[in-house]
Amino acid sequence: EHPKLFQNPAINSLRQKWHRNEKKWSKDKPIAENLSSVLEIRLPSPLDTERTTQTLDCGICYAEFLRIDEEVAEQSCSKTDFMCDNANCGRAFHSICLVEWLQSITTTRRSYGVLFGNCPYCSVPVAVRVNNKRE
């Protein structure tokens, strides 16, 4: 083992927690739950890490900003403004992209300026208002 590894206080702290709690390890629990219990730490959930890195990008066009007017610079860019309500999905979309996507799907229903369909990623029902100015 590397000698500098033993000099790191963070490593030593984790090692002490491991030795103190190793009997808490259960073969019936997921690895992340075991590590959290044995090392006395809170591990980030997959949703935490995804939301901080990926949810800014549109799940359809894969861009964070959507250029609305090609002649005007960044002021005409639109951020993602719609997010899937499913906690296991949580994908972000530009409503313009989602409207176009839903309009291309034959099972999408429309009522009073709202499109009703399914999330392109998890198939949970979504409803998005159609902006009549851009149709």
Protein backbone atom coordinates (compact mmCIF):
# COMPACT_ATOMS: atom_id res chain seq x y z
CA GLU A 1 0.00 0.00 0.00
CA HIS A 2 1.11 3.53 -0.70
CA PRO A 3 2.56 5.35 2.37
CA LYS A 4 1.03 8.75 1.44
CA LEU A 5 -2.41 7.14 1.45
CA PHE A 6 -2.13 6.57 5.21
CA GLN A 7 -1.30 10.24 5.78
CA ASN A 8 -4.52 11.52 4.25
CA PRO A 9 -6.98 12.43 7.08
CA ALA A 10 -10.03 11.85 4.86
CA ILE A 11 -8.87 8.33 3.98
CA ASN A 12 -8.06 7.58 7.62
CA SER A 13 -11.50 8.75 8.69
CA LEU A 14 -13.21 6.50 6.13
CA ARG A 15 -10.99 3.57 7.12
CA GLN A 16 -11.92 4.03 10.81
CA LYS A 17 -15.63 4.19 9.95
CA TRP A 18 -15.28 1.06 7.81
CA HIS A 19 -13.66 -0.93 10.62
CA ARG A 20 -16.20 0.34 13.17
CA ASN A 21 -19.26 -0.41 11.00
CA GLU A 22 -18.27 -3.25 8.68
CA LYS A 23 -20.69 -5.63 10.45
CA LYS A 24 -23.58 -3.42 9.24
CA TRP A 25 -22.91 -4.59 5.67
CA SER A 26 -25.85 -6.65 4.41
CA LYS A 27 -25.79 -8.80 1.31
CA ASP A 28 -29.52 -8.08 0.92
CA LYS A 29 -29.04 -4.30 0.54
CA PRO A 30 -27.83 -2.42 -2.55
CA ILE A 31 -24.16 -1.43 -2.57
CA ALA A 32 -24.91 2.29 -2.34
CA GLU A 33 -27.09 1.79 0.73
CA ASN A 34 -24.42 -0.38 2.37
CA LEU A 35 -21.67 2.15 1.66
CA SER A 36 -23.80 4.97 3.02
CA SER A 37 -24.48 3.02 6.21
CA VAL A 38 -20.97 1.68 6.77
CA LEU A 39 -19.12 4.90 5.91
CA GLU A 40 -21.72 7.14 7.62
CA ILE A 41 -22.07 9.37 4.57
CA ARG A 42 -24.88 10.42 2.26
CA LEU A 43 -24.12 9.42 -1.30
CA PRO A 44 -25.65 11.54 -4.07
CA SER A 45 -28.58 9.85 -5.77
CA PRO A 46 -28.48 9.35 -9.54
CA LEU A 47 -31.23 11.95 -9.84
CA ASP A 48 -29.15 14.53 -7.91
CA THR A 49 -26.21 14.15 -10.26
CA GLU A 50 -28.35 14.02 -13.41
CA ARG A 51 -30.34 17.10 -12.50
CA THR A 52 -27.22 19.15 -11.93
CA THR A 53 -25.55 18.16 -15.19
CA GLN A 54 -28.09 17.09 -17.77
CA THR A 55 -31.43 18.71 -17.10
CA LEU A 56 -30.40 21.99 -18.69
CA ASP A 57 -30.11 20.29 -22.07
CA CYS A 58 -33.29 19.71 -24.04
CA GLY A 59 -34.11 16.02 -24.33
CA ILE A 60 -35.12 16.49 -27.96
CA CYS A 61 -32.65 18.91 -29.57
CA TYR A 62 -29.89 18.28 -26.96
CA ALA A 63 -29.12 22.00 -26.67
CA GLU A 64 -29.29 24.10 -23.54
CA PHE A 65 -30.32 27.21 -25.47
CA LEU A 66 -32.59 27.23 -28.49
CA ARG A 67 -31.96 30.03 -30.97
CA ILE A 68 -35.30 31.58 -31.85
CA ASP A 69 -34.19 34.35 -34.20
CA GLU A 70 -31.10 33.63 -36.29
CA GLU A 71 -30.39 37.34 -36.93
CA VAL A 72 -30.34 38.41 -33.29
CA ALA A 73 -27.56 37.19 -31.03
CA GLU A 74 -27.88 35.47 -27.64
CA GLN A 75 -30.81 37.62 -26.49
CA SER A 76 -33.07 35.53 -28.72
CA CYS A 77 -32.06 32.20 -27.18
CA SER A 78 -34.56 30.27 -25.09
CA LYS A 79 -33.65 28.06 -22.11
CA THR A 80 -35.44 24.79 -21.43
CA ASP A 81 -38.82 25.64 -19.94
CA PHE A 82 -40.59 22.30 -19.50
CA MET A 83 -39.62 19.37 -17.29
CA CYS A 84 -41.11 15.89 -17.12
CA ASP A 85 -42.97 15.44 -13.82
CA ASN A 86 -41.80 11.86 -13.39
CA ALA A 87 -39.23 11.92 -10.57
CA ASN A 88 -37.35 9.04 -12.18
CA CYS A 89 -37.06 10.91 -15.49
CA GLY A 90 -37.05 14.67 -14.90
CA ARG A 91 -35.87 15.44 -18.45
CA ALA A 92 -35.96 19.06 -19.50
CA PHE A 93 -37.27 20.26 -22.85
CA HIS A 94 -37.82 23.45 -24.77
CA SER A 95 -41.61 23.65 -25.00
CA ILE A 96 -41.20 24.46 -28.72
CA CYS A 97 -39.29 21.19 -29.26
CA LEU A 98 -41.81 19.21 -27.20
CA VAL A 99 -44.72 20.68 -29.16
CA GLU A 100 -43.09 19.68 -32.46
CA TRP A 101 -42.34 16.21 -31.09
CA LEU A 102 -45.89 15.69 -29.83
CA GLN A 103 -47.40 16.97 -33.09
CA SER A 104 -45.45 14.28 -34.96
CA ILE A 105 -46.93 11.47 -32.82
CA THR A 106 -50.29 10.09 -33.97
CA THR A 107 -51.54 9.33 -30.45
CA THR A 108 -51.17 12.96 -29.28
CA ARG A 109 -54.46 14.68 -28.46
CA ARG A 110 -55.13 18.41 -28.64
CA SER A 111 -57.69 20.35 -26.66
CA TYR A 112 -58.00 24.12 -26.17
CA GLY A 113 -54.45 24.89 -27.21
CA VAL A 114 -52.89 22.13 -25.10
CA LEU A 115 -51.21 19.01 -26.47
CA PHE A 116 -51.57 15.80 -24.45
CA GLY A 117 -49.06 13.04 -25.12
CA ASN A 118 -46.23 11.13 -23.52
CA CYS A 119 -42.71 12.05 -22.46
CA PRO A 120 -40.26 10.96 -25.19
CA TYR A 121 -38.05 9.34 -22.53
CA CYS A 122 -40.28 7.68 -19.94
CA SER A 123 -43.74 7.69 -21.60
CA VAL A 124 -45.41 9.37 -18.61
CA PRO A 125 -48.32 11.59 -19.73
CA VAL A 126 -47.36 15.22 -20.42
CA ALA A 127 -49.37 18.27 -21.35
CA VAL A 128 -47.84 21.32 -22.99
CA ARG A 129 -49.49 24.53 -24.11
CA VAL A 130 -49.16 25.33 -27.80
CA ASN A 131 -47.89 28.84 -28.44
CA ASN A 132 -50.07 30.02 -31.33
CA LYS A 133 -47.52 32.65 -32.42
CA ARG A 134 -45.07 29.98 -33.54
CA GLU A 135 -47.41 27.48 -35.18
